[in-house]
Amino acid sequence: MTSRVSYAPQDVQKMCKQAERDHESKKLVFLMERVKRQIAERSNSGVKSETGKRSVAVNSDSGSVRPPIRSVPLER
C-alpha cells in the first residue's frame, strides 16, 4: 500500500496559485516567441519585397503546434 501525503488547505491554495503563475509564465514566453518570429518574418519579407520580388504571406501559426489553453489541472 502506498502512503498518501495530505497537504494543509493553505498548502493546496499556495500550490494552485503557483501553478497559475507557472501557466501564465509559459503563455507569456510562448507569446513573446511568436511575436519575435512574426517580426523576423516581416523584416525578411520586407527585404525581399524591396528587391522587386513579390513575397507571399504565409501564416506560420496554422501549422505550428499550440499548447492547450487549459493545460493546468489546478487552474480555475
PDB file of N, CA and C in Angstrom:
ATOM      1  N   MET A   1       0.845  -1.179   0.000  1.00  0.00           N
ATOM      2  CA  MET A   1       0.000   0.000   0.000  1.00  0.00           C
ATOM      3  C   MET A   1       0.893   1.246   0.000  1.00  0.00           C
ATOM      4  N   THR A   2       0.499   2.239  -0.724  1.00  0.00           N
ATOM      5  CA  THR A   2       1.297   3.465  -0.782  1.00  0.00           C
ATOM      6  C   THR A   2       0.817   4.448   0.270  1.00  0.00           C
ATOM      7  N   SER A   3       1.729   5.212   0.768  1.00  0.00           N
ATOM      8  CA  SER A   3       1.346   6.225   1.745  1.00  0.00           C
ATOM      9  C   SER A   3       1.018   7.518   1.011  1.00  0.00           C
ATOM     10  N   ARG A   4      -0.068   8.107   1.385  1.00  0.00           N
ATOM     11  CA  ARG A   4      -0.502   9.354   0.760  1.00  0.00           C
ATOM     12  C   ARG A   4      -0.112  10.525   1.645  1.00  0.00           C
ATOM     13  N   VAL A   5       0.305  11.579   1.001  1.00  0.00           N
ATOM     14  CA  VAL A   5       0.654  12.794   1.723  1.00  0.00           C
ATOM     15  C   VAL A   5      -0.553  13.715   1.675  1.00  0.00           C
ATOM     16  N   SER A   6      -0.995  14.159   2.829  1.00  0.00           N
ATOM     17  CA  SER A   6      -2.113  15.096   2.849  1.00  0.00           C
ATOM     18  C   SER A   6      -1.572  16.487   3.165  1.00  0.00           C
ATOM     19  N   TYR A   7      -1.923  17.407   2.317  1.00  0.00           N
ATOM     20  CA  TYR A   7      -1.468  18.785   2.481  1.00  0.00           C
ATOM     21  C   TYR A   7      -2.509  19.593   3.236  1.00  0.00           C
ATOM     22  N   ALA A   8      -2.040  20.589   3.944  1.00  0.00           N
ATOM     23  CA  ALA A   8      -2.950  21.504   4.621  1.00  0.00           C
ATOM     24  C   ALA A   8      -3.664  22.338   3.560  1.00  0.00           C
ATOM     25  N   PRO A   9      -4.876  22.832   3.841  1.00  0.00           N
ATOM     26  CA  PRO A   9      -5.606  23.629   2.837  1.00  0.00           C
ATOM     27  C   PRO A   9      -4.811  24.842   2.347  1.00  0.00           C
ATOM     28  N   GLN A  10      -4.021  25.446   3.234  1.00  0.00           N
ATOM     29  CA  GLN A  10      -3.228  26.605   2.813  1.00  0.00           C
ATOM     30  C   GLN A  10      -2.177  26.180   1.790  1.00  0.00           C
ATOM     31  N   ASP A  11      -1.603  24.989   1.995  1.00  0.00           N
ATOM     32  CA  ASP A  11      -0.595  24.494   1.059  1.00  0.00           C
ATOM     33  C   ASP A  11      -1.209  24.236  -0.314  1.00  0.00           C
ATOM     34  N   VAL A  12      -2.419  23.703  -0.336  1.00  0.00           N
ATOM     35  CA  VAL A  12      -3.089  23.439  -1.607  1.00  0.00           C
ATOM     36  C   VAL A  12      -3.366  24.755  -2.326  1.00  0.00           C
ATOM     37  N   GLN A  13      -3.804  25.757  -1.584  1.00  0.00           N
ATOM     38  CA  GLN A  13      -4.053  27.064  -2.189  1.00  0.00           C
ATOM     39  C   GLN A  13      -2.765  27.663  -2.739  1.00  0.00           C
ATOM     40  N   LYS A  14      -1.677  27.533  -2.005  1.00  0.00           N
ATOM     41  CA  LYS A  14      -0.390  28.033  -2.479  1.00  0.00           C
ATOM     42  C   LYS A  14       0.040  27.293  -3.736  1.00  0.00           C
ATOM     43  N   MET A  15      -0.158  25.982  -3.743  1.00  0.00           N
ATOM     44  CA  MET A  15       0.226  25.183  -4.911  1.00  0.00           C
ATOM     45  C   MET A  15      -0.610  25.578  -6.129  1.00  0.00           C
ATOM     46  N   CYS A  16      -1.892  25.835  -5.929  1.00  0.00           N
ATOM     47  CA  CYS A  16      -2.759  26.259  -7.034  1.00  0.00           C
ATOM     48  C   CYS A  16      -2.313  27.610  -7.581  1.00  0.00           C
ATOM     49  N   LYS A  17      -2.003  28.542  -6.698  1.00  0.00           N
ATOM     50  CA  LYS A  17      -1.552  29.863  -7.149  1.00  0.00           C
ATOM     51  C   LYS A  17      -0.220  29.765  -7.881  1.00  0.00           C
ATOM     52  N   GLN A  18       0.669  28.905  -7.399  1.00  0.00           N
ATOM     53  CA  GLN A  18       1.962  28.725  -8.068  1.00  0.00           C
ATOM     54  C   GLN A  18       1.754  28.108  -9.455  1.00  0.00           C
ATOM     55  N   ALA A  19       0.845  27.147  -9.552  1.00  0.00           N
ATOM     56  CA  ALA A  19       0.554  26.528 -10.846  1.00  0.00           C
ATOM     57  C   ALA A  19      -0.012  27.557 -11.821  1.00  0.00           C
ATOM     58  N   GLU A  20      -0.873  28.446 -11.331  1.00  0.00           N
ATOM     59  CA  GLU A  20      -1.421  29.504 -12.179  1.00  0.00           C
ATOM     60  C   GLU A  20      -0.317  30.433 -12.660  1.00  0.00           C
ATOM     61  N   ARG A  21       0.597  30.805 -11.756  1.00  0.00           N
ATOM     62  CA  ARG A  21       1.712  31.686 -12.143  1.00  0.00           C
ATOM     63  C   ARG A  21       2.601  31.003 -13.179  1.00  0.00           C
ATOM     64  N   ASP A  22       2.870  29.713 -12.972  1.00  0.00           N
ATOM     65  CA  ASP A  22       3.698  28.970 -13.923  1.00  0.00           C
ATOM     66  C   ASP A  22       3.032  28.919 -15.299  1.00  0.00           C
ATOM     67  N   HIS A  23       1.731  28.685 -15.296  1.00  0.00           N
ATOM     68  CA  HIS A  23       0.990  28.610 -16.551  1.00  0.00           C
ATOM     69  C   HIS A  23       1.014  29.963 -17.264  1.00  0.00           C
ATOM     70  N   GLU A  24       0.803  31.041 -16.520  1.00  0.00           N
ATOM     71  CA  GLU A  24       0.839  32.376 -17.119  1.00  0.00           C
ATOM     72  C   GLU A  24       2.226  32.694 -17.663  1.00  0.00           C
ATOM     73  N   SER A  25       3.267  32.265 -16.960  1.00  0.00           N
ATOM     74  CA  SER A  25       4.633  32.485 -17.434  1.00  0.00           C
ATOM     75  C   SER A  25       4.878  31.743 -18.739  1.00  0.00           C
ATOM     76  N   LYS A  26       4.394  30.513 -18.830  1.00  0.00           N
ATOM     77  CA  LYS A  26       4.569  29.736 -20.058  1.00  0.00           C
ATOM     78  C   LYS A  26       3.830  30.387 -21.216  1.00  0.00           C
ATOM     79  N   LYS A  27       2.610  30.883 -20.951  1.00  0.00           N
ATOM     80  CA  LYS A  27       1.859  31.547 -22.015  1.00  0.00           C
ATOM     81  C   LYS A  27       2.581  32.811 -22.469  1.00  0.00           C
ATOM     82  N   LEU A  28       3.147  33.553 -21.521  1.00  0.00           N
ATOM     83  CA  LEU A  28       3.860  34.777 -21.868  1.00  0.00           C
ATOM     84  C   LEU A  28       5.087  34.479 -22.713  1.00  0.00           C
ATOM     85  N   VAL A  29       5.842  33.458 -22.338  1.00  0.00           N
ATOM     86  CA  VAL A  29       7.028  33.079 -23.113  1.00  0.00           C
ATOM     87  C   VAL A  29       6.615  32.657 -24.519  1.00  0.00           C
ATOM     88  N   PHE A  30       5.526  31.882 -24.630  1.00  0.00           N
ATOM     89  CA  PHE A  30       5.039  31.435 -25.932  1.00  0.00           C
ATOM     90  C   PHE A  30       4.658  32.629 -26.802  1.00  0.00           C
ATOM     91  N   LEU A  31       3.945  33.589 -26.225  1.00  0.00           N
ATOM     92  CA  LEU A  31       3.539  34.769 -26.986  1.00  0.00           C
ATOM     93  C   LEU A  31       4.736  35.607 -27.411  1.00  0.00           C
ATOM     94  N   MET A  32       5.723  35.745 -26.526  1.00  0.00           N
ATOM     95  CA  MET A  32       6.917  36.518 -26.869  1.00  0.00           C
ATOM     96  C   MET A  32       7.669  35.868 -28.026  1.00  0.00           C
ATOM     97  N   GLU A  33       7.783  34.538 -28.003  1.00  0.00           N
ATOM     98  CA  GLU A  33       8.461  33.833 -29.092  1.00  0.00           C
ATOM     99  C   GLU A  33       7.698  34.001 -30.402  1.00  0.00           C
ATOM    100  N   ARG A  34       6.386  33.953 -30.343  1.00  0.00           N
ATOM    101  CA  ARG A  34       5.583  34.107 -31.552  1.00  0.00           C
ATOM    102  C   ARG A  34       5.739  35.511 -32.123  1.00  0.00           C
ATOM    103  N   VAL A  35       5.754  36.519 -31.271  1.00  0.00           N
ATOM    104  CA  VAL A  35       5.935  37.899 -31.735  1.00  0.00           C
ATOM    105  C   VAL A  35       7.322  38.070 -32.356  1.00  0.00           C
ATOM    106  N   LYS A  36       8.336  37.487 -31.729  1.00  0.00           N
ATOM    107  CA  LYS A  36       9.687  37.568 -32.294  1.00  0.00           C
ATOM    108  C   LYS A  36       9.732  36.937 -33.680  1.00  0.00           C
ATOM    109  N   ARG A  37       9.077  35.775 -33.839  1.00  0.00           N
ATOM    110  CA  ARG A  37       9.039  35.106 -35.149  1.00  0.00           C
ATOM    111  C   ARG A  37       8.334  35.976 -36.179  1.00  0.00           C
ATOM    112  N   GLN A  38       7.214  36.580 -35.778  1.00  0.00           N
ATOM    113  CA  GLN A  38       6.459  37.421 -36.709  1.00  0.00           C
ATOM    114  C   GLN A  38       7.269  38.638 -37.121  1.00  0.00           C
ATOM    115  N   ILE A  39       7.974  39.243 -36.176  1.00  0.00           N
ATOM    116  CA  ILE A  39       8.809  40.398 -36.501  1.00  0.00           C
ATOM    117  C   ILE A  39       9.912  39.993 -37.463  1.00  0.00           C
ATOM    118  N   ALA A  40      10.533  38.840 -37.207  1.00  0.00           N
ATOM    119  CA  ALA A  40      11.601  38.361 -38.099  1.00  0.00           C
ATOM    120  C   ALA A  40      11.045  38.070 -39.490  1.00  0.00           C
ATOM    121  N   GLU A  41       9.863  37.455 -39.561  1.00  0.00           N
ATOM    122  CA  GLU A  41       9.259  37.162 -40.859  1.00  0.00           C
ATOM    123  C   GLU A  41       8.925  38.441 -41.606  1.00  0.00           C
ATOM    124  N   ARG A  42       8.404  39.431 -40.915  1.00  0.00           N
ATOM    125  CA  ARG A  42       8.066  40.697 -41.570  1.00  0.00           C
ATOM    126  C   ARG A  42       9.307  41.413 -42.071  1.00  0.00           C
ATOM    127  N   SER A  43      10.364  41.389 -41.256  1.00  0.00           N
ATOM    128  CA  SER A  43      11.581  42.070 -41.701  1.00  0.00           C
ATOM    129  C   SER A  43      12.198  41.326 -42.883  1.00  0.00           C
ATOM    130  N   ASN A  44      12.129  39.989 -42.874  1.00  0.00           N
ATOM    131  CA  ASN A  44      12.643  39.211 -44.004  1.00  0.00           C
ATOM    132  C   ASN A  44      11.801  39.430 -45.252  1.00  0.00           C
ATOM    133  N   SER A  45      10.483  39.472 -45.116  1.00  0.00           N
ATOM    134  CA  SER A  45       9.627  39.689 -46.279  1.00  0.00           C
ATOM    135  C   SER A  45       9.756  41.124 -46.781  1.00  0.00           C
ATOM    136  N   GLY A  46      10.042  42.063 -45.878  1.00  0.00           N
ATOM    137  CA  GLY A  46      10.261  43.451 -46.283  1.00  0.00           C
ATOM    138  C   GLY A  46      11.508  43.577 -47.130  1.00  0.00           C
ATOM    139  N   VAL A  47      12.560  42.848 -46.787  1.00  0.00           N
ATOM    140  CA  VAL A  47      13.801  42.869 -47.559  1.00  0.00           C
ATOM    141  C   VAL A  47      13.554  42.257 -48.925  1.00  0.00           C
ATOM    142  N   LYS A  48      12.791  41.166 -48.997  1.00  0.00           N
ATOM    143  CA  LYS A  48      12.506  40.519 -50.273  1.00  0.00           C
ATOM    144  C   LYS A  48      11.668  41.421 -51.175  1.00  0.00           C
ATOM    145  N   SER A  49      10.689  42.115 -50.593  1.00  0.00           N
ATOM    146  CA  SER A  49       9.827  42.958 -51.412  1.00  0.00           C
ATOM    147  C   SER A  49      10.579  44.180 -51.925  1.00  0.00           C
ATOM    148  N   GLU A  50      11.593  44.630 -51.224  1.00  0.00           N
ATOM    149  CA  GLU A  50      12.381  45.772 -51.688  1.00  0.00           C
ATOM    150  C   GLU A  50      13.227  45.417 -52.892  1.00  0.00           C
ATOM    151  N   THR A  51      13.605  44.144 -53.034  1.00  0.00           N
ATOM    152  CA  THR A  51      14.437  43.734 -54.156  1.00  0.00           C
ATOM    153  C   THR A  51      13.622  43.528 -55.418  1.00  0.00           C
ATOM    154  N   GLY A  52      12.304  43.707 -55.341  1.00  0.00           N
ATOM    155  CA  GLY A  52      11.467  43.573 -56.515  1.00  0.00           C
ATOM    156  C   GLY A  52      10.707  42.266 -56.559  1.00  0.00           C
ATOM    157  N   LYS A  53      11.007  41.347 -55.693  1.00  0.00           N
ATOM    158  CA  LYS A  53      10.292  40.083 -55.647  1.00  0.00           C
ATOM    159  C   LYS A  53       9.010  40.268 -54.844  1.00  0.00           C
ATOM    160  N   ARG A  54       7.982  39.614 -55.300  1.00  0.00           N
ATOM    161  CA  ARG A  54       6.722  39.685 -54.573  1.00  0.00           C
ATOM    162  C   ARG A  54       6.686  38.548 -53.569  1.00  0.00           C
ATOM    163  N   SER A  55       6.551  38.873 -52.308  1.00  0.00           N
ATOM    164  CA  SER A  55       6.545  37.833 -51.279  1.00  0.00           C
ATOM    165  C   SER A  55       5.121  37.411 -50.975  1.00  0.00           C
ATOM    166  N   VAL A  56       4.954  36.158 -50.712  1.00  0.00           N
ATOM    167  CA  VAL A  56       3.644  35.609 -50.373  1.00  0.00           C
ATOM    168  C   VAL A  56       3.581  35.480 -48.863  1.00  0.00           C
ATOM    169  N   ALA A  57       2.525  36.039 -48.278  1.00  0.00           N
ATOM    170  CA  ALA A  57       2.372  35.968 -46.823  1.00  0.00           C
ATOM    171  C   ALA A  57       1.929  34.563 -46.434  1.00  0.00           C
ATOM    172  N   VAL A  58       2.686  33.962 -45.553  1.00  0.00           N
ATOM    173  CA  VAL A  58       2.371  32.623 -45.078  1.00  0.00           C
ATOM    174  C   VAL A  58       2.125  32.706 -43.589  1.00  0.00           C
ATOM    175  N   ASN A  59       1.018  32.166 -43.158  1.00  0.00           N
ATOM    176  CA  ASN A  59       0.699  32.154 -41.743  1.00  0.00           C
ATOM    177  C   ASN A  59       1.347  30.928 -41.118  1.00  0.00           C
ATOM    178  N   SER A  60       2.437  31.134 -40.399  1.00  0.00           N
ATOM    179  CA  SER A  60       3.150  30.004 -39.800  1.00  0.00           C
ATOM    180  C   SER A  60       2.420  29.439 -38.588  1.00  0.00           C
ATOM    181  N   ASP A  61       1.482  30.196 -38.035  1.00  0.00           N
ATOM    182  CA  ASP A  61       0.772  29.722 -36.850  1.00  0.00           C
ATOM    183  C   ASP A  61      -0.184  28.577 -37.184  1.00  0.00           C
ATOM    184  N   SER A  62      -0.649  28.512 -38.426  1.00  0.00           N
ATOM    185  CA  SER A  62      -1.613  27.468 -38.767  1.00  0.00           C
ATOM    186  C   SER A  62      -0.976  26.087 -38.718  1.00  0.00           C
ATOM    187  N   GLY A  63       0.319  25.990 -39.006  1.00  0.00           N
ATOM    188  CA  GLY A  63       0.987  24.703 -38.991  1.00  0.00           C
ATOM    189  C   GLY A  63       1.691  24.396 -37.690  1.00  0.00           C
ATOM    190  N   SER A  64       1.784  25.363 -36.817  1.00  0.00           N
ATOM    191  CA  SER A  64       2.513  25.138 -35.577  1.00  0.00           C
ATOM    192  C   SER A  64       1.630  24.432 -34.550  1.00  0.00           C
ATOM    193  N   VAL A  65       2.272  23.755 -33.637  1.00  0.00           N
ATOM    194  CA  VAL A  65       1.551  23.051 -32.578  1.00  0.00           C
ATOM    195  C   VAL A  65       1.374  24.015 -31.418  1.00  0.00           C
ATOM    196  N   ARG A  66       0.127  24.230 -31.031  1.00  0.00           N
ATOM    197  CA  ARG A  66      -0.164  25.151 -29.942  1.00  0.00           C
ATOM    198  C   ARG A  66      -0.525  24.355 -28.699  1.00  0.00           C
ATOM    199  N   PRO A  67      -0.035  24.796 -27.544  1.00  0.00           N
ATOM    200  CA  PRO A  67      -0.405  24.102 -26.306  1.00  0.00           C
ATOM    201  C   PRO A  67      -1.875  24.345 -25.984  1.00  0.00           C
ATOM    202  N   PRO A  68      -2.515  23.412 -25.304  1.00  0.00           N
ATOM    203  CA  PRO A  68      -3.916  23.625 -24.951  1.00  0.00           C
ATOM    204  C   PRO A  68      -4.067  24.808 -23.995  1.00  0.00           C
ATOM    205  N   ILE A  69      -5.197  25.470 -24.091  1.00  0.00           N
ATOM    206  CA  ILE A  69      -5.432  26.655 -23.266  1.00  0.00           C
ATOM    207  C   ILE A  69      -5.516  26.275 -21.791  1.00  0.00           C
ATOM    208  N   ARG A  70      -6.171  25.187 -21.505  1.00  0.00           N
ATOM    209  CA  ARG A  70      -6.368  24.745 -20.127  1.00  0.00           C
ATOM    210  C   ARG A  70      -5.503  23.520 -19.850  1.00  0.00           C
ATOM    211  N   SER A  71      -4.194  23.699 -19.791  1.00  0.00           N
ATOM    212  CA  SER A  71      -3.314  22.560 -19.609  1.00  0.00           C
ATOM    213  C   SER A  71      -2.998  22.271 -18.134  1.00  0.00           C
ATOM    214  N   VAL A  72      -3.308  23.203 -17.255  1.00  0.00           N
ATOM    215  CA  VAL A  72      -3.002  23.018 -15.844  1.00  0.00           C
ATOM    216  C   VAL A  72      -4.257  22.482 -15.143  1.00  0.00           C
ATOM    217  N   PRO A  73      -4.171  21.313 -14.516  1.00  0.00           N
ATOM    218  CA  PRO A  73      -5.357  20.734 -13.899  1.00  0.00           C
ATOM    219  C   PRO A  73      -5.877  21.522 -12.697  1.00  0.00           C
ATOM    220  N   LEU A  74      -5.030  22.305 -12.071  1.00  0.00           N
ATOM    221  CA  LEU A  74      -5.460  23.043 -10.882  1.00  0.00           C
ATOM    222  C   LEU A  74      -5.937  24.445 -11.221  1.00  0.00           C
ATOM    223  N   GLU A  75      -6.073  24.744 -12.495  1.00  0.00           N
ATOM    224  CA  GLU A  75      -6.494  26.079 -12.889  1.00  0.00           C
ATOM    225  C   GLU A  75      -7.982  26.260 -12.640  1.00  0.00           C
ATOM    226  N   ARG A  76      -8.381  27.499 -12.362  1.00  0.00           N
ATOM    227  CA  ARG A  76      -9.778  27.783 -12.100  1.00  0.00           C
ATOM    228  C   ARG A  76     -10.613  27.549 -13.323  1.00  0.00           C
TER     229      ARG A  76
END
